[in-house]
Amino acid sequence: MDLGQDNLLLNTMCKAGAVFRDNHLLCGLNLAELFTCYAVSIRAKMNKSTQPKDLAKSLEISKPGISKLLNGMERKGLVRREHHADDRKAVYVSLTDKALSTLEEQRATAAVLTKKVFAEMGMDKAKEMLSLLNLFYDSYKKAEATLWEN
């Protein structure tokens, strides 16, 4: 797909997006499910509980969007929503064994793919790419913040 030079950024993002939608890399999850699992697992490693509002903030998804996502993930057996005895209104999200094993599979798959891609690219190019992606992200966020100022 070639969108022309004026849409070079969009064209590149389409190519990158195709990589991150690869079923081998996602291990049967969609991106939102994968990011949710990672967010919950990271908070758990820090001994922090996770509420839907925490996920909405970290994933930049609306609260109704998170609710819909969690409903689907519950149906798939990936997450549990529980109430704490101290506060019956507060809902906490945790990962099931199925989600934890899927995350382990995804990490292993990503490690193998990363090693192969970096070997193909060469380590110098891979490091340069990662550095440029970080620079791009920071620059994009700055530009986005000032987009409608004028």
N, C-alpha and C. Protein backbone atom coordinates (compact mmCIF):
# COMPACT_ATOMS: atom_id res chain seq x y z
N MET A 1 0.84 -1.17 0.00
CA MET A 1 0.00 0.00 0.00
C MET A 1 0.89 1.24 0.00
N ASP A 2 0.71 2.10 -0.98
CA ASP A 2 1.49 3.34 -1.04
C ASP A 2 0.52 4.50 -1.01
N LEU A 3 0.61 5.31 0.02
CA LEU A 3 -0.29 6.45 0.19
C LEU A 3 0.34 7.74 -0.30
N GLY A 4 1.53 7.66 -0.87
CA GLY A 4 2.20 8.85 -1.37
C GLY A 4 3.06 9.51 -0.32
N GLN A 5 3.92 10.42 -0.79
CA GLN A 5 4.87 11.08 0.11
C GLN A 5 4.17 11.93 1.16
N ASP A 6 3.03 12.53 0.81
CA ASP A 6 2.36 13.40 1.78
C ASP A 6 1.78 12.61 2.95
N ASN A 7 1.64 11.32 2.78
CA ASN A 7 1.15 10.46 3.86
C ASN A 7 2.20 9.42 4.26
N LEU A 8 3.45 9.80 4.19
CA LEU A 8 4.54 8.88 4.53
C LEU A 8 4.39 8.34 5.95
N LEU A 9 4.01 9.21 6.88
CA LEU A 9 3.83 8.77 8.26
C LEU A 9 2.73 7.72 8.35
N LEU A 10 1.60 7.99 7.73
CA LEU A 10 0.49 7.04 7.76
C LEU A 10 0.87 5.73 7.09
N ASN A 11 1.57 5.80 5.99
CA ASN A 11 2.02 4.60 5.28
C ASN A 11 2.92 3.75 6.17
N THR A 12 3.86 4.40 6.83
CA THR A 12 4.78 3.70 7.72
C THR A 12 4.03 3.09 8.89
N MET A 13 3.07 3.83 9.44
CA MET A 13 2.29 3.32 10.57
C MET A 13 1.45 2.11 10.15
N CYS A 14 0.94 2.10 8.93
CA CYS A 14 0.19 0.94 8.44
C CYS A 14 1.08 -0.30 8.39
N LYS A 15 2.31 -0.12 7.92
CA LYS A 15 3.25 -1.24 7.87
C LYS A 15 3.59 -1.74 9.28
N ALA A 16 3.87 -0.80 10.18
CA ALA A 16 4.19 -1.18 11.56
C ALA A 16 2.99 -1.84 12.22
N GLY A 17 1.80 -1.31 11.97
CA GLY A 17 0.58 -1.88 12.54
C GLY A 17 0.36 -3.31 12.10
N ALA A 18 0.70 -3.60 10.86
CA ALA A 18 0.54 -4.96 10.35
C ALA A 18 1.40 -5.94 11.15
N VAL A 19 2.58 -5.51 11.54
CA VAL A 19 3.46 -6.36 12.34
C VAL A 19 2.81 -6.65 13.69
N PHE A 20 2.24 -5.61 14.30
CA PHE A 20 1.70 -5.77 15.65
C PHE A 20 0.30 -6.39 15.67
N ARG A 21 -0.24 -6.66 14.50
CA ARG A 21 -1.50 -7.41 14.43
C ARG A 21 -1.25 -8.87 14.05
N ASP A 22 0.00 -9.25 13.92
CA ASP A 22 0.37 -10.61 13.54
C ASP A 22 -0.07 -11.59 14.62
N ASN A 23 -0.81 -12.61 14.23
CA ASN A 23 -1.31 -13.59 15.20
C ASN A 23 -0.20 -14.32 15.94
N HIS A 24 0.95 -14.51 15.29
CA HIS A 24 2.06 -15.16 15.98
C HIS A 24 2.51 -14.32 17.17
N LEU A 25 2.57 -13.02 16.98
CA LEU A 25 3.03 -12.13 18.04
C LEU A 25 1.96 -11.94 19.11
N LEU A 26 0.69 -11.97 18.73
CA LEU A 26 -0.39 -11.71 19.68
C LEU A 26 -0.84 -12.94 20.45
N CYS A 27 -0.50 -14.13 19.96
CA CYS A 27 -0.85 -15.38 20.65
C CYS A 27 -2.35 -15.49 20.93
N GLY A 28 -3.16 -15.10 19.96
CA GLY A 28 -4.60 -15.26 20.08
C GLY A 28 -5.33 -14.09 20.73
N LEU A 29 -4.59 -13.09 21.18
CA LEU A 29 -5.21 -11.90 21.77
C LEU A 29 -5.29 -10.80 20.73
N ASN A 30 -6.16 -9.82 20.94
CA ASN A 30 -6.07 -8.62 20.12
C ASN A 30 -5.18 -7.63 20.88
N LEU A 31 -4.80 -6.54 20.24
CA LEU A 31 -3.86 -5.61 20.87
C LEU A 31 -4.39 -5.05 22.18
N ALA A 32 -5.66 -4.69 22.22
CA ALA A 32 -6.22 -4.13 23.45
C ALA A 32 -6.16 -5.15 24.58
N GLU A 33 -6.45 -6.41 24.28
CA GLU A 33 -6.37 -7.46 25.30
C GLU A 33 -4.94 -7.67 25.77
N LEU A 34 -4.00 -7.67 24.83
CA LEU A 34 -2.60 -7.84 25.19
C LEU A 34 -2.12 -6.70 26.07
N PHE A 35 -2.43 -5.47 25.68
CA PHE A 35 -2.00 -4.32 26.47
C PHE A 35 -2.65 -4.34 27.85
N THR A 36 -3.90 -4.76 27.93
CA THR A 36 -4.59 -4.85 29.22
C THR A 36 -3.91 -5.89 30.10
N CYS A 37 -3.62 -7.05 29.55
CA CYS A 37 -2.93 -8.09 30.32
C CYS A 37 -1.58 -7.59 30.82
N TYR A 38 -0.83 -6.92 29.95
CA TYR A 38 0.47 -6.39 30.37
C TYR A 38 0.31 -5.35 31.47
N ALA A 39 -0.65 -4.45 31.32
CA ALA A 39 -0.85 -3.41 32.33
C ALA A 39 -1.19 -4.01 33.68
N VAL A 40 -2.08 -4.98 33.70
CA VAL A 40 -2.46 -5.62 34.97
C VAL A 40 -1.27 -6.38 35.55
N SER A 41 -0.53 -7.08 34.70
CA SER A 41 0.61 -7.86 35.21
C SER A 41 1.72 -6.96 35.76
N ILE A 42 1.96 -5.84 35.13
CA ILE A 42 2.98 -4.89 35.61
C ILE A 42 2.57 -4.33 36.97
N ARG A 43 1.31 -3.95 37.11
CA ARG A 43 0.83 -3.42 38.40
C ARG A 43 0.92 -4.50 39.47
N ALA A 44 0.60 -5.75 39.12
CA ALA A 44 0.67 -6.84 40.09
C ALA A 44 2.11 -7.06 40.57
N LYS A 45 3.09 -6.96 39.64
CA LYS A 45 4.50 -7.10 40.02
C LYS A 45 4.94 -6.00 40.97
N MET A 46 4.28 -4.84 40.89
CA MET A 46 4.58 -3.71 41.78
C MET A 46 3.72 -3.77 43.04
N ASN A 47 3.01 -4.90 43.23
CA ASN A 47 2.10 -5.08 44.37
C ASN A 47 1.01 -4.02 44.42
N LYS A 48 0.53 -3.63 43.24
CA LYS A 48 -0.57 -2.68 43.14
C LYS A 48 -1.78 -3.39 42.58
N SER A 49 -2.92 -3.12 43.17
CA SER A 49 -4.16 -3.66 42.61
C SER A 49 -4.54 -2.82 41.40
N THR A 50 -5.40 -3.36 40.56
CA THR A 50 -5.80 -2.67 39.34
C THR A 50 -7.30 -2.50 39.30
N GLN A 51 -7.74 -1.28 39.11
CA GLN A 51 -9.14 -1.00 38.92
C GLN A 51 -9.36 -0.61 37.46
N PRO A 52 -10.58 -0.75 36.97
CA PRO A 52 -10.84 -0.36 35.58
C PRO A 52 -10.40 1.08 35.27
N LYS A 53 -10.55 1.98 36.22
CA LYS A 53 -10.14 3.38 35.98
C LYS A 53 -8.63 3.48 35.75
N ASP A 54 -7.84 2.60 36.41
CA ASP A 54 -6.39 2.58 36.19
C ASP A 54 -6.07 2.18 34.75
N LEU A 55 -6.81 1.18 34.26
CA LEU A 55 -6.61 0.71 32.88
C LEU A 55 -7.04 1.78 31.88
N ALA A 56 -8.16 2.43 32.16
CA ALA A 56 -8.64 3.49 31.26
C ALA A 56 -7.59 4.57 31.11
N LYS A 57 -6.98 4.94 32.23
CA LYS A 57 -5.95 5.99 32.19
C LYS A 57 -4.69 5.53 31.47
N SER A 58 -4.17 4.36 31.83
CA SER A 58 -2.91 3.92 31.25
C SER A 58 -3.03 3.54 29.78
N LEU A 59 -4.19 3.03 29.37
CA LEU A 59 -4.37 2.62 27.98
C LEU A 59 -5.04 3.71 27.13
N GLU A 60 -5.38 4.82 27.77
CA GLU A 60 -6.04 5.94 27.09
C GLU A 60 -7.31 5.48 26.38
N ILE A 61 -8.15 4.77 27.14
CA ILE A 61 -9.43 4.28 26.66
C ILE A 61 -10.49 4.82 27.61
N SER A 62 -11.66 5.15 27.09
CA SER A 62 -12.73 5.65 27.94
C SER A 62 -13.17 4.58 28.94
N LYS A 63 -13.80 5.02 30.02
CA LYS A 63 -14.28 4.07 31.02
C LYS A 63 -15.33 3.11 30.42
N PRO A 64 -16.26 3.59 29.59
CA PRO A 64 -17.17 2.64 28.95
C PRO A 64 -16.42 1.67 28.01
N GLY A 65 -15.38 2.16 27.35
CA GLY A 65 -14.57 1.29 26.48
C GLY A 65 -13.86 0.21 27.27
N ILE A 66 -13.33 0.57 28.43
CA ILE A 66 -12.66 -0.41 29.30
C ILE A 66 -13.66 -1.44 29.78
N SER A 67 -14.85 -0.99 30.15
CA SER A 67 -15.88 -1.91 30.62
C SER A 67 -16.23 -2.93 29.54
N LYS A 68 -16.38 -2.47 28.32
CA LYS A 68 -16.68 -3.37 27.19
C LYS A 68 -15.52 -4.35 26.96
N LEU A 69 -14.30 -3.83 27.00
CA LEU A 69 -13.11 -4.67 26.82
C LEU A 69 -13.04 -5.74 27.90
N LEU A 70 -13.23 -5.34 29.15
CA LEU A 70 -13.16 -6.30 30.26
C LEU A 70 -14.29 -7.33 30.19
N ASN A 71 -15.46 -6.91 29.73
CA ASN A 71 -16.56 -7.88 29.56
C ASN A 71 -16.14 -8.99 28.59
N GLY A 72 -15.56 -8.59 27.47
CA GLY A 72 -15.10 -9.56 26.49
C GLY A 72 -13.98 -10.44 27.02
N MET A 73 -13.07 -9.84 27.76
CA MET A 73 -11.95 -10.60 28.32
C MET A 73 -12.44 -11.57 29.40
N GLU A 74 -13.46 -11.18 30.14
CA GLU A 74 -14.05 -12.10 31.13
C GLU A 74 -14.69 -13.30 30.43
N ARG A 75 -15.43 -13.02 29.35
CA ARG A 75 -16.05 -14.12 28.59
C ARG A 75 -15.01 -15.09 28.04
N LYS A 76 -13.83 -14.58 27.69
CA LYS A 76 -12.74 -15.42 27.18
C LYS A 76 -11.95 -16.09 28.30
N GLY A 77 -12.26 -15.78 29.53
CA GLY A 77 -11.56 -16.39 30.66
C GLY A 77 -10.19 -15.79 30.92
N LEU A 78 -9.99 -14.53 30.57
CA LEU A 78 -8.69 -13.88 30.73
C LEU A 78 -8.57 -13.06 32.00
N VAL A 79 -9.67 -12.47 32.44
CA VAL A 79 -9.65 -11.63 33.64
C VAL A 79 -10.80 -11.98 34.57
N ARG A 80 -10.62 -11.56 35.82
CA ARG A 80 -11.68 -11.64 36.82
C ARG A 80 -11.86 -10.24 37.38
N ARG A 81 -13.10 -9.88 37.64
CA ARG A 81 -13.39 -8.63 38.35
C ARG A 81 -13.97 -9.02 39.70
N GLU A 82 -13.38 -8.45 40.74
CA GLU A 82 -13.76 -8.82 42.09
C GLU A 82 -13.98 -7.58 42.94
N HIS A 83 -14.82 -7.72 43.95
CA HIS A 83 -15.03 -6.66 44.93
C HIS A 83 -14.21 -6.98 46.17
N HIS A 84 -13.65 -5.96 46.80
CA HIS A 84 -12.93 -6.16 48.05
C HIS A 84 -13.91 -6.07 49.21
N ALA A 85 -13.62 -6.81 50.25
CA ALA A 85 -14.50 -6.82 51.42
C ALA A 85 -14.60 -5.43 52.06
N ASP A 86 -13.51 -4.65 52.02
CA ASP A 86 -13.49 -3.33 52.64
C ASP A 86 -14.36 -2.31 51.90
N ASP A 87 -14.44 -2.46 50.59
CA ASP A 87 -15.17 -1.49 49.77
C ASP A 87 -15.94 -2.24 48.70
N ARG A 88 -17.21 -2.51 48.95
CA ARG A 88 -18.01 -3.32 48.03
C ARG A 88 -18.25 -2.61 46.69
N LYS A 89 -18.07 -1.29 46.63
CA LYS A 89 -18.27 -0.56 45.37
C LYS A 89 -17.07 -0.67 44.44
N ALA A 90 -15.90 -0.77 45.02
CA ALA A 90 -14.66 -0.81 44.23
C ALA A 90 -14.51 -2.16 43.54
N VAL A 91 -14.19 -2.12 42.26
CA VAL A 91 -13.97 -3.33 41.47
C VAL A 91 -12.49 -3.42 41.14
N TYR A 92 -11.94 -4.61 41.30
CA TYR A 92 -10.53 -4.84 41.01
C TYR A 92 -10.40 -5.91 39.94
N VAL A 93 -9.43 -5.73 39.08
CA VAL A 93 -9.21 -6.64 37.95
C VAL A 93 -7.97 -7.48 38.22
N SER A 94 -8.08 -8.77 37.97
CA SER A 94 -6.91 -9.65 38.06
C SER A 94 -6.90 -10.58 36.86
N LEU A 95 -5.71 -11.10 36.57
CA LEU A 95 -5.55 -12.01 35.44
C LEU A 95 -5.80 -13.45 35.88
N THR A 96 -6.37 -14.23 34.98
CA THR A 96 -6.57 -15.65 35.23
C THR A 96 -5.29 -16.41 34.86
N ASP A 97 -5.25 -17.68 35.23
CA ASP A 97 -4.12 -18.52 34.83
C ASP A 97 -4.00 -18.59 33.31
N LYS A 98 -5.13 -18.59 32.63
CA LYS A 98 -5.12 -18.62 31.16
C LYS A 98 -4.42 -17.37 30.61
N ALA A 99 -4.72 -16.21 31.17
CA ALA A 99 -4.08 -14.97 30.72
C ALA A 99 -2.58 -14.98 31.03
N LEU A 100 -2.23 -15.46 32.21
CA LEU A 100 -0.81 -15.51 32.60
C LEU A 100 -0.03 -16.45 31.69
N SER A 101 -0.59 -17.60 31.34
CA SER A 101 0.12 -18.51 30.45
C SER A 101 0.19 -17.94 29.03
N THR A 102 -0.84 -17.23 28.60
CA THR A 102 -0.82 -16.58 27.28
C THR A 102 0.25 -15.50 27.24
N LEU A 103 0.37 -14.73 28.32
CA LEU A 103 1.42 -13.71 28.40
C LEU A 103 2.81 -14.32 28.32
N GLU A 104 3.02 -15.43 29.00
CA GLU A 104 4.32 -16.12 28.94
C GLU A 104 4.61 -16.60 27.52
N GLU A 105 3.59 -17.15 26.87
CA GLU A 105 3.75 -17.59 25.48
C GLU A 105 4.08 -16.39 24.59
N GLN A 106 3.39 -15.27 24.82
CA GLN A 106 3.61 -14.08 24.01
C GLN A 106 5.02 -13.54 24.23
N ARG A 107 5.48 -13.51 25.45
CA ARG A 107 6.84 -13.03 25.74
C ARG A 107 7.88 -13.90 25.03
N ALA A 108 7.69 -15.21 25.09
CA ALA A 108 8.63 -16.13 24.44
C ALA A 108 8.63 -15.93 22.92
N THR A 109 7.43 -15.80 22.35
CA THR A 109 7.32 -15.59 20.90
C THR A 109 7.96 -14.27 20.51
N ALA A 110 7.68 -13.21 21.28
CA ALA A 110 8.26 -11.90 20.98
C ALA A 110 9.78 -11.93 21.08
N ALA A 111 10.30 -12.67 22.04
CA ALA A 111 11.76 -12.76 22.18
C ALA A 111 12.39 -13.43 20.97
N VAL A 112 11.79 -14.52 20.50
CA VAL A 112 12.31 -15.22 19.32
C VAL A 112 12.23 -14.33 18.10
N LEU A 113 11.07 -13.69 17.88
CA LEU A 113 10.91 -12.82 16.72
C LEU A 113 11.87 -11.63 16.77
N THR A 114 12.01 -11.04 17.95
CA THR A 114 12.91 -9.89 18.09
C THR A 114 14.34 -10.29 17.76
N LYS A 115 14.77 -11.43 18.28
CA LYS A 115 16.13 -11.91 18.01
C LYS A 115 16.35 -12.12 16.51
N LYS A 116 15.38 -12.72 15.84
CA LYS A 116 15.50 -12.96 14.40
C LYS A 116 15.48 -11.66 13.59
N VAL A 117 14.59 -10.75 13.96
CA VAL A 117 14.50 -9.47 13.24
C VAL A 117 15.78 -8.67 13.44
N PHE A 118 16.27 -8.60 14.68
CA PHE A 118 17.50 -7.85 14.94
C PHE A 118 18.69 -8.48 14.24
N ALA A 119 18.72 -9.79 14.15
CA ALA A 119 19.82 -10.45 13.42
C ALA A 119 19.75 -10.09 11.94
N GLU A 120 18.55 -10.05 11.39
CA GLU A 120 18.37 -9.70 9.99
C GLU A 120 18.77 -8.24 9.74
N MET A 121 18.37 -7.35 10.65
CA MET A 121 18.66 -5.92 10.51
C MET A 121 20.12 -5.60 10.82
N GLY A 122 20.69 -6.34 11.75
CA GLY A 122 21.99 -5.98 12.32
C GLY A 122 21.76 -5.17 13.58
N MET A 123 22.55 -5.41 14.59
CA MET A 123 22.34 -4.76 15.89
C MET A 123 22.48 -3.24 15.82
N ASP A 124 23.40 -2.75 15.02
CA ASP A 124 23.56 -1.30 14.93
C ASP A 124 22.29 -0.65 14.39
N LYS A 125 21.73 -1.21 13.33
CA LYS A 125 20.49 -0.68 12.75
C LYS A 125 19.33 -0.83 13.72
N ALA A 126 19.27 -1.95 14.43
CA ALA A 126 18.19 -2.18 15.39
C ALA A 126 18.24 -1.14 16.51
N LYS A 127 19.43 -0.88 17.04
CA LYS A 127 19.57 0.13 18.09
C LYS A 127 19.21 1.51 17.56
N GLU A 128 19.63 1.81 16.34
CA GLU A 128 19.30 3.10 15.73
C GLU A 128 17.79 3.22 15.56
N MET A 129 17.13 2.15 15.11
CA MET A 129 15.69 2.18 14.92
C MET A 129 14.98 2.45 16.25
N LEU A 130 15.40 1.76 17.31
CA LEU A 130 14.77 1.96 18.61
C LEU A 130 14.97 3.39 19.11
N SER A 131 16.16 3.91 18.92
CA SER A 131 16.44 5.28 19.32
C SER A 131 15.56 6.26 18.53
N LEU A 132 15.45 6.04 17.23
CA LEU A 132 14.63 6.92 16.39
C LEU A 132 13.15 6.80 16.73
N LEU A 133 12.68 5.62 17.07
CA LEU A 133 11.28 5.46 17.47
C LEU A 133 10.98 6.23 18.75
N ASN A 134 11.91 6.19 19.70
CA ASN A 134 11.73 6.96 20.93
C ASN A 134 11.74 8.46 20.64
N LEU A 135 12.64 8.89 19.79
CA LEU A 135 12.69 10.30 19.40
C LEU A 135 11.41 10.70 18.68
N PHE A 136 10.94 9.84 17.77
CA PHE A 136 9.69 10.11 17.05
C PHE A 136 8.53 10.25 18.03
N TYR A 137 8.41 9.32 18.98
CA TYR A 137 7.30 9.36 19.93
C TYR A 137 7.32 10.66 20.73
N ASP A 138 8.49 11.02 21.26
CA ASP A 138 8.59 12.25 22.05
C ASP A 138 8.26 13.47 21.19
N SER A 139 8.76 13.51 19.97
CA SER A 139 8.49 14.64 19.06
C SER A 139 7.01 14.70 18.69
N TYR A 140 6.42 13.55 18.46
CA TYR A 140 5.00 13.50 18.11
C TYR A 140 4.15 14.04 19.25
N LYS A 141 4.44 13.62 20.48
CA LYS A 141 3.67 14.07 21.64
C LYS A 141 3.79 15.59 21.81
N LYS A 142 4.97 16.14 21.57
CA LYS A 142 5.15 17.60 21.66
C LYS A 142 4.35 18.30 20.57
N ALA A 143 4.41 17.78 19.35
CA ALA A 143 3.67 18.38 18.24
C ALA A 143 2.17 18.27 18.47
N GLU A 144 1.73 17.14 18.96
CA GLU A 144 0.31 16.91 19.21
C GLU A 144 -0.22 17.91 20.25
N ALA A 145 0.58 18.17 21.26
CA ALA A 145 0.17 19.08 22.34
C ALA A 145 -0.04 20.50 21.83
N THR A 146 0.64 20.87 20.75
CA THR A 146 0.54 22.24 20.24
C THR A 146 -0.23 22.32 18.91
N LEU A 147 -0.85 21.25 18.51
CA LEU A 147 -1.48 21.16 17.19
C LEU A 147 -2.51 22.27 16.94
N TRP A 148 -3.35 22.55 17.91
CA TRP A 148 -4.45 23.49 17.69
C TRP A 148 -4.23 24.84 18.38
N GLU A 149 -2.99 25.14 18.74
CA GLU A 149 -2.72 26.40 19.44
C GLU A 149 -2.90 27.61 18.55
N ASN A 150 -2.58 27.53 17.27
CA ASN A 150 -2.65 28.71 16.39
C ASN A 150 -3.96 28.85 15.76
